[in-house]
Amino acid sequence: YADHAAAGRVFFASYQSPRYTRHRLSRGECRV
């Protein structure tokens, strides 16, 4: 999401913390 952030678009994924990543992933499953 760095390109979006560099263009001034606000995407939380471009700066979220590992703690928040864990929280989001705990709400379902993750395909990799």
All heavy atoms as atom14 arrays in JSON, in Angstrom:
{
  "sequence": "YADHAAAGRVFFASYQSPRYTRHRLSRGECRV",
  "atom14_mask": [
    [1, 1, 1, 1, 1, 1, 1, 1, 1, 1, 1, 1, 0, 0],
    [1, 1, 1, 1, 1, 0, 0, 0, 0, 0, 0, 0, 0, 0],
    [1, 1, 1, 1, 1, 1, 1, 1, 0, 0, 0, 0, 0, 0],
    [1, 1, 1, 1, 1, 1, 1, 1, 1, 1, 0, 0, 0, 0],
    [1, 1, 1, 1, 1, 0, 0, 0, 0, 0, 0, 0, 0, 0],
    [1, 1, 1, 1, 1, 0, 0, 0, 0, 0, 0, 0, 0, 0],
    [1, 1, 1, 1, 1, 0, 0, 0, 0, 0, 0, 0, 0, 0],
    [1, 1, 1, 1, 0, 0, 0, 0, 0, 0, 0, 0, 0, 0],
    [1, 1, 1, 1, 1, 1, 1, 1, 1, 1, 1, 0, 0, 0],
    [1, 1, 1, 1, 1, 1, 1, 0, 0, 0, 0, 0, 0, 0],
    [1, 1, 1, 1, 1, 1, 1, 1, 1, 1, 1, 0, 0, 0],
    [1, 1, 1, 1, 1, 1, 1, 1, 1, 1, 1, 0, 0, 0],
    [1, 1, 1, 1, 1, 0, 0, 0, 0, 0, 0, 0, 0, 0],
    [1, 1, 1, 1, 1, 1, 0, 0, 0, 0, 0, 0, 0, 0],
    [1, 1, 1, 1, 1, 1, 1, 1, 1, 1, 1, 1, 0, 0],
    [1, 1, 1, 1, 1, 1, 1, 1, 1, 0, 0, 0, 0, 0],
    [1, 1, 1, 1, 1, 1, 0, 0, 0, 0, 0, 0, 0, 0],
    [1, 1, 1, 1, 1, 1, 1, 0, 0, 0, 0, 0, 0, 0],
    [1, 1, 1, 1, 1, 1, 1, 1, 1, 1, 1, 0, 0, 0],
    [1, 1, 1, 1, 1, 1, 1, 1, 1, 1, 1, 1, 0, 0],
    [1, 1, 1, 1, 1, 1, 1, 0, 0, 0, 0, 0, 0, 0],
    [1, 1, 1, 1, 1, 1, 1, 1, 1, 1, 1, 0, 0, 0],
    [1, 1, 1, 1, 1, 1, 1, 1, 1, 1, 0, 0, 0, 0],
    [1, 1, 1, 1, 1, 1, 1, 1, 1, 1, 1, 0, 0, 0],
    [1, 1, 1, 1, 1, 1, 1, 1, 0, 0, 0, 0, 0, 0],
    [1, 1, 1, 1, 1, 1, 0, 0, 0, 0, 0, 0, 0, 0],
    [1, 1, 1, 1, 1, 1, 1, 1, 1, 1, 1, 0, 0, 0],
    [1, 1, 1, 1, 0, 0, 0, 0, 0, 0, 0, 0, 0, 0],
    [1, 1, 1, 1, 1, 1, 1, 1, 1, 0, 0, 0, 0, 0],
    [1, 1, 1, 1, 1, 1, 0, 0, 0, 0, 0, 0, 0, 0],
    [1, 1, 1, 1, 1, 1, 1, 1, 1, 1, 1, 0, 0, 0],
    [1, 1, 1, 1, 1, 1, 1, 0, 0, 0, 0, 0, 0, 0]
  ],
  "atom14_positions": [
    [[0.81, -1.22, 0.0], [0.0, 0.0, 0.0], [0.84, 1.28, 0.0], [0.31, 2.38, 0.08], [-0.98, -0.02, 1.18], [-2.13, -0.97, 0.93], [-2.04, -2.32, 1.26], [-3.29, -0.52, 0.33], [-3.08, -3.19, 1.01], [-4.35, -1.39, 0.07], [-4.23, -2.73, 0.41], [-5.27, -3.6, 0.14], [0.0, 0.0, 0.0], [0.0, 0.0, 0.0]],
    [[2.15, 1.15, -0.12], [3.04, 2.32, -0.09], [2.75, 3.31, -1.22], [2.81, 4.52, -1.01], [4.5, 1.88, -0.15], [0.0, 0.0, 0.0], [0.0, 0.0, 0.0], [0.0, 0.0, 0.0], [0.0, 0.0, 0.0], [0.0, 0.0, 0.0], [0.0, 0.0, 0.0], [0.0, 0.0, 0.0], [0.0, 0.0, 0.0], [0.0, 0.0, 0.0]],
    [[2.45, 2.82, -2.42], [2.15, 3.72, -3.54], [0.93, 4.59, -3.24], [0.91, 5.77, -3.58], [1.89, 2.93, -4.83], [3.13, 2.25, -5.36], [4.25, 2.56, -4.89], [2.99, 1.39, -6.25], [0.0, 0.0, 0.0], [0.0, 0.0, 0.0], [0.0, 0.0, 0.0], [0.0, 0.0, 0.0], [0.0, 0.0, 0.0], [0.0, 0.0, 0.0]],
    [[-0.08, 4.01, -2.61], [-1.27, 4.78, -2.26], [-0.92, 5.85, -1.23], [-1.36, 7.0, -1.36], [-2.36, 3.86, -1.69], [-2.88, 2.88, -2.68], [-3.59, 3.25, -3.79], [-2.8, 1.53, -2.73], [-3.93, 2.18, -4.48], [-3.46, 1.13, -3.87], [0.0, 0.0, 0.0], [0.0, 0.0, 0.0], [0.0, 0.0, 0.0], [0.0, 0.0, 0.0]],
    [[-0.15, 5.48, -0.23], [0.25, 6.44, 0.81], [1.07, 7.58, 0.2], [0.86, 8.75, 0.52], [1.03, 5.74, 1.91], [0.0, 0.0, 0.0], [0.0, 0.0, 0.0], [0.0, 0.0, 0.0], [0.0, 0.0, 0.0], [0.0, 0.0, 0.0], [0.0, 0.0, 0.0], [0.0, 0.0, 0.0], [0.0, 0.0, 0.0], [0.0, 0.0, 0.0]],
    [[1.99, 7.23, -0.71], [2.83, 8.25, -1.35], [1.99, 9.21, -2.19], [2.36, 10.38, -2.35], [3.89, 7.58, -2.22], [0.0, 0.0, 0.0], [0.0, 0.0, 0.0], [0.0, 0.0, 0.0], [0.0, 0.0, 0.0], [0.0, 0.0, 0.0], [0.0, 0.0, 0.0], [0.0, 0.0, 0.0], [0.0, 0.0, 0.0], [0.0, 0.0, 0.0]],
    [[0.86, 8.74, -2.7], [-0.02, 9.59, -3.5], [-0.99, 10.39, -2.63], [-1.86, 11.09, -3.16], [-0.8, 8.73, -4.5], [0.0, 0.0, 0.0], [0.0, 0.0, 0.0], [0.0, 0.0, 0.0], [0.0, 0.0, 0.0], [0.0, 0.0, 0.0], [0.0, 0.0, 0.0], [0.0, 0.0, 0.0], [0.0, 0.0, 0.0], [0.0, 0.0, 0.0]],
    [[-0.85, 10.25, -1.31], [-1.7, 11.01, -0.4], [-3.02, 10.35, -0.06], [-3.87, 10.96, 0.59], [0.0, 0.0, 0.0], [0.0, 0.0, 0.0], [0.0, 0.0, 0.0], [0.0, 0.0, 0.0], [0.0, 0.0, 0.0], [0.0, 0.0, 0.0], [0.0, 0.0, 0.0], [0.0, 0.0, 0.0], [0.0, 0.0, 0.0], [0.0, 0.0, 0.0]],
    [[-3.21, 9.11, -0.49], [-4.43, 8.39, -0.15], [-4.25, 7.76, 1.23], [-3.2, 7.22, 1.53], [-4.72, 7.31, -1.18], [-5.02, 7.88, -2.54], [-5.34, 6.77, -3.54], [-5.04, 7.24, -4.87], [-3.99, 6.87, -5.59], [-3.12, 6.0, -5.12], [-3.8, 7.37, -6.79], [0.0, 0.0, 0.0], [0.0, 0.0, 0.0], [0.0, 0.0, 0.0]],
    [[-5.27, 7.8, 2.03], [-5.2, 7.27, 3.39], [-5.65, 5.82, 3.38], [-6.84, 5.54, 3.24], [-6.05, 8.1, 4.36], [-5.97, 7.53, 5.76], [-5.6, 9.55, 4.35], [0.0, 0.0, 0.0], [0.0, 0.0, 0.0], [0.0, 0.0, 0.0], [0.0, 0.0, 0.0], [0.0, 0.0, 0.0], [0.0, 0.0, 0.0], [0.0, 0.0, 0.0]],
    [[-4.71, 4.91, 3.48], [-4.98, 3.49, 3.61], [-4.31, 3.03, 4.88], [-3.08, 3.03, 4.97], [-4.43, 2.71, 2.41], [-5.3, 2.75, 1.19], [-5.16, 3.77, 0.27], [-6.26, 1.78, 0.97], [-5.97, 3.83, -0.86], [-7.07, 1.83, -0.15], [-6.92, 2.85, -1.06], [0.0, 0.0, 0.0], [0.0, 0.0, 0.0], [0.0, 0.0, 0.0]],
    [[-5.11, 2.64, 5.86], [-4.57, 2.21, 7.15], [-3.55, 1.1, 6.98], [-2.57, 1.01, 7.72], [-5.71, 1.79, 8.07], [-5.28, 1.52, 9.48], [-4.74, 2.53, 10.26], [-5.41, 0.26, 10.03], [-4.34, 2.29, 11.58], [-5.02, 0.01, 11.33], [-4.48, 1.02, 12.11], [0.0, 0.0, 0.0], [0.0, 0.0, 0.0], [0.0, 0.0, 0.0]],
    [[-3.75, 0.24, 5.98], [-2.82, -0.88, 5.75], [-1.4, -0.4, 5.48], [-0.44, -1.14, 5.69], [-3.3, -1.74, 4.59], [0.0, 0.0, 0.0], [0.0, 0.0, 0.0], [0.0, 0.0, 0.0], [0.0, 0.0, 0.0], [0.0, 0.0, 0.0], [0.0, 0.0, 0.0], [0.0, 0.0, 0.0], [0.0, 0.0, 0.0], [0.0, 0.0, 0.0]],
    [[-1.23, 0.84, 5.04], [0.11, 1.33, 4.72], [0.91, 1.68, 5.97], [2.12, 1.89, 5.88], [0.04, 2.55, 3.8], [-0.54, 3.65, 4.46], [0.0, 0.0, 0.0], [0.0, 0.0, 0.0], [0.0, 0.0, 0.0], [0.0, 0.0, 0.0], [0.0, 0.0, 0.0], [0.0, 0.0, 0.0], [0.0, 0.0, 0.0], [0.0, 0.0, 0.0]],
    [[0.25, 1.76, 7.12], [0.98, 2.11, 8.35], [0.49, 1.37, 9.6], [0.93, 1.66, 10.7], [0.94, 3.62, 8.59], [-0.44, 4.19, 8.79], [-0.99, 4.29, 10.07], [-1.18, 4.65, 7.71], [-2.25, 4.82, 10.25], [-2.44, 5.18, 7.89], [-2.98, 5.27, 9.17], [-4.23, 5.79, 9.34], [0.0, 0.0, 0.0], [0.0, 0.0, 0.0]],
    [[-0.39, 0.37, 9.45], [-0.92, -0.32, 10.63], [0.18, -1.06, 11.37], [1.22, -1.41, 10.81], [-2.05, -1.26, 10.25], [-1.61, -2.53, 9.54], [-2.81, -3.35, 9.09], [-3.76, -2.83, 8.52], [-2.76, -4.64, 9.36], [0.0, 0.0, 0.0], [0.0, 0.0, 0.0], [0.0, 0.0, 0.0], [0.0, 0.0, 0.0], [0.0, 0.0, 0.0]],
    [[-0.06, -1.31, 12.64], [0.91, -1.99, 13.51], [0.75, -3.5, 13.42], [-0.31, -4.0, 13.02], [0.69, -1.56, 14.96], [-0.55, -2.1, 15.43], [0.0, 0.0, 0.0], [0.0, 0.0, 0.0], [0.0, 0.0, 0.0], [0.0, 0.0, 0.0], [0.0, 0.0, 0.0], [0.0, 0.0, 0.0], [0.0, 0.0, 0.0], [0.0, 0.0, 0.0]],
    [[1.79, -4.25, 13.79], [1.66, -5.71, 13.86], [0.53, -6.14, 14.81], [-0.15, -7.12, 14.56], [3.02, -6.18, 14.36], [3.96, -5.11, 13.89], [3.17, -3.84, 14.01], [0.0, 0.0, 0.0], [0.0, 0.0, 0.0], [0.0, 0.0, 0.0], [0.0, 0.0, 0.0], [0.0, 0.0, 0.0], [0.0, 0.0, 0.0], [0.0, 0.0, 0.0]],
    [[0.33, -5.38, 15.87], [-0.76, -5.7, 16.82], [-2.11, -5.62, 16.12], [-2.98, -6.47, 16.31], [-0.7, -4.74, 18.0], [-1.77, -4.99, 19.01], [-1.61, -4.06, 20.2], [-2.71, -4.22, 21.1], [-3.22, -3.27, 21.84], [-2.69, -2.06, 21.8], [-4.23, -3.49, 22.63], [0.0, 0.0, 0.0], [0.0, 0.0, 0.0], [0.0, 0.0, 0.0]],
    [[-2.31, -4.59, 15.29], [-3.57, -4.47, 14.57], [-3.7, -5.56, 13.51], [-4.79, -6.09, 13.29], [-3.72, -3.09, 13.94], [-5.11, -2.88, 13.4], [-6.17, -2.63, 14.26], [-5.38, -2.99, 12.04], [-7.46, -2.48, 13.78], [-6.65, -2.83, 11.56], [-7.7, -2.58, 12.42], [-8.97, -2.43, 11.94], [0.0, 0.0, 0.0], [0.0, 0.0, 0.0]],
    [[-2.6, -5.93, 12.87], [-2.64, -7.04, 11.92], [-3.13, -8.3, 12.61], [-4.0, -9.0, 12.09], [-1.25, -7.27, 11.3], [-0.82, -6.08, 10.64], [-1.27, -8.42, 10.31], [0.0, 0.0, 0.0], [0.0, 0.0, 0.0], [0.0, 0.0, 0.0], [0.0, 0.0, 0.0], [0.0, 0.0, 0.0], [0.0, 0.0, 0.0], [0.0, 0.0, 0.0]],
    [[-2.61, -8.58, 13.79], [-3.05, -9.76, 14.56], [-4.54, -9.67, 14.85], [-5.28, -10.64, 14.69], [-2.27, -9.89, 15.86], [-2.68, -11.09, 16.7], [-1.91, -11.2, 18.01], [-0.48, -11.15, 17.84], [0.3, -12.14, 17.41], [-0.25, -13.29, 17.08], [1.6, -11.99, 17.32], [0.0, 0.0, 0.0], [0.0, 0.0, 0.0], [0.0, 0.0, 0.0]],
    [[-5.0, -8.5, 15.27], [-6.42, -8.31, 15.56], [-7.28, -8.61, 14.33], [-8.27, -9.33, 14.41], [-6.66, -6.87, 16.04], [-8.1, -6.48, 16.06], [-8.99, -6.96, 17.0], [-8.81, -5.68, 15.23], [-10.2, -6.46, 16.74], [-10.11, -5.67, 15.68], [0.0, 0.0, 0.0], [0.0, 0.0, 0.0], [0.0, 0.0, 0.0], [0.0, 0.0, 0.0]],
    [[-6.91, -8.04, 13.18], [-7.69, -8.26, 11.97], [-7.7, -9.73, 11.55], [-8.73, -10.26, 11.15], [-7.16, -7.41, 10.81], [-7.36, -5.92, 10.97], [-8.8, -5.54, 10.94], [-9.37, -5.78, 9.63], [-10.42, -5.18, 9.14], [-11.05, -4.29, 9.85], [-10.86, -5.46, 7.93], [0.0, 0.0, 0.0], [0.0, 0.0, 0.0], [0.0, 0.0, 0.0]],
    [[-6.55, -10.37, 11.64], [-6.47, -11.77, 11.24], [-7.23, -12.69, 12.19], [-7.64, -13.78, 11.8], [-5.02, -12.21, 11.1], [-4.24, -11.52, 9.97], [-2.81, -12.04, 9.92], [-4.93, -11.72, 8.63], [0.0, 0.0, 0.0], [0.0, 0.0, 0.0], [0.0, 0.0, 0.0], [0.0, 0.0, 0.0], [0.0, 0.0, 0.0], [0.0, 0.0, 0.0]],
    [[-7.45, -12.25, 13.42], [-8.18, -13.07, 14.38], [-9.68, -13.1, 14.07], [-10.41, -13.9, 14.64], [-7.96, -12.55, 15.81], [-8.65, -11.34, 16.02], [0.0, 0.0, 0.0], [0.0, 0.0, 0.0], [0.0, 0.0, 0.0], [0.0, 0.0, 0.0], [0.0, 0.0, 0.0], [0.0, 0.0, 0.0], [0.0, 0.0, 0.0], [0.0, 0.0, 0.0]],
    [[-10.13, -12.26, 13.15], [-11.54, -12.15, 12.84], [-11.97, -13.04, 11.68], [-13.11, -12.98, 11.24], [-11.88, -10.7, 12.52], [-11.58, -9.79, 13.71], [-11.83, -8.37, 13.44], [-13.27, -8.17, 13.21], [-13.76, -7.11, 12.63], [-12.98, -6.16, 12.18], [-15.06, -6.98, 12.47], [0.0, 0.0, 0.0], [0.0, 0.0, 0.0], [0.0, 0.0, 0.0]],
    [[-11.07, -13.87, 11.18], [-11.42, -14.75, 10.07], [-10.25, -15.66, 9.74], [-9.52, -16.1, 10.62], [0.0, 0.0, 0.0], [0.0, 0.0, 0.0], [0.0, 0.0, 0.0], [0.0, 0.0, 0.0], [0.0, 0.0, 0.0], [0.0, 0.0, 0.0], [0.0, 0.0, 0.0], [0.0, 0.0, 0.0], [0.0, 0.0, 0.0], [0.0, 0.0, 0.0]],
    [[-10.06, -15.9, 8.48], [-8.94, -16.71, 7.98], [-8.12, -15.85, 7.03], [-8.6, -14.86, 6.51], [-9.46, -17.93, 7.23], [-10.28, -18.86, 8.09], [-10.83, -20.04, 7.29], [-10.48, -20.18, 6.09], [-11.62, -20.79, 7.85], [0.0, 0.0, 0.0], [0.0, 0.0, 0.0], [0.0, 0.0, 0.0], [0.0, 0.0, 0.0], [0.0, 0.0, 0.0]],
    [[-6.9, -16.27, 6.79], [-6.05, -15.52, 5.87], [-5.47, -16.47, 4.82], [-4.85, -17.48, 5.17], [-4.92, -14.83, 6.63], [-3.93, -13.75, 5.57], [0.0, 0.0, 0.0], [0.0, 0.0, 0.0], [0.0, 0.0, 0.0], [0.0, 0.0, 0.0], [0.0, 0.0, 0.0], [0.0, 0.0, 0.0], [0.0, 0.0, 0.0], [0.0, 0.0, 0.0]],
    [[-5.71, -16.16, 3.57], [-5.11, -16.91, 2.46], [-3.77, -16.25, 2.17], [-3.66, -15.02, 2.2], [-5.98, -16.88, 1.22], [-7.42, -17.28, 1.45], [-7.53, -18.74, 1.84], [-8.93, -19.16, 1.82], [-9.6, -19.55, 2.88], [-9.03, -19.54, 4.06], [-10.86, -19.93, 2.78], [0.0, 0.0, 0.0], [0.0, 0.0, 0.0], [0.0, 0.0, 0.0]],
    [[-2.75, -17.05, 1.89], [-1.43, -16.5, 1.62], [-0.88, -17.04, 0.31], [-1.24, -18.13, -0.13], [-0.42, -16.79, 2.77], [-0.89, -16.17, 4.07], [-0.18, -18.27, 2.93], [0.0, 0.0, 0.0], [0.0, 0.0, 0.0], [0.0, 0.0, 0.0], [0.0, 0.0, 0.0], [0.0, 0.0, 0.0], [0.0, 0.0, 0.0], [0.0, 0.0, 0.0]]
  ]
}
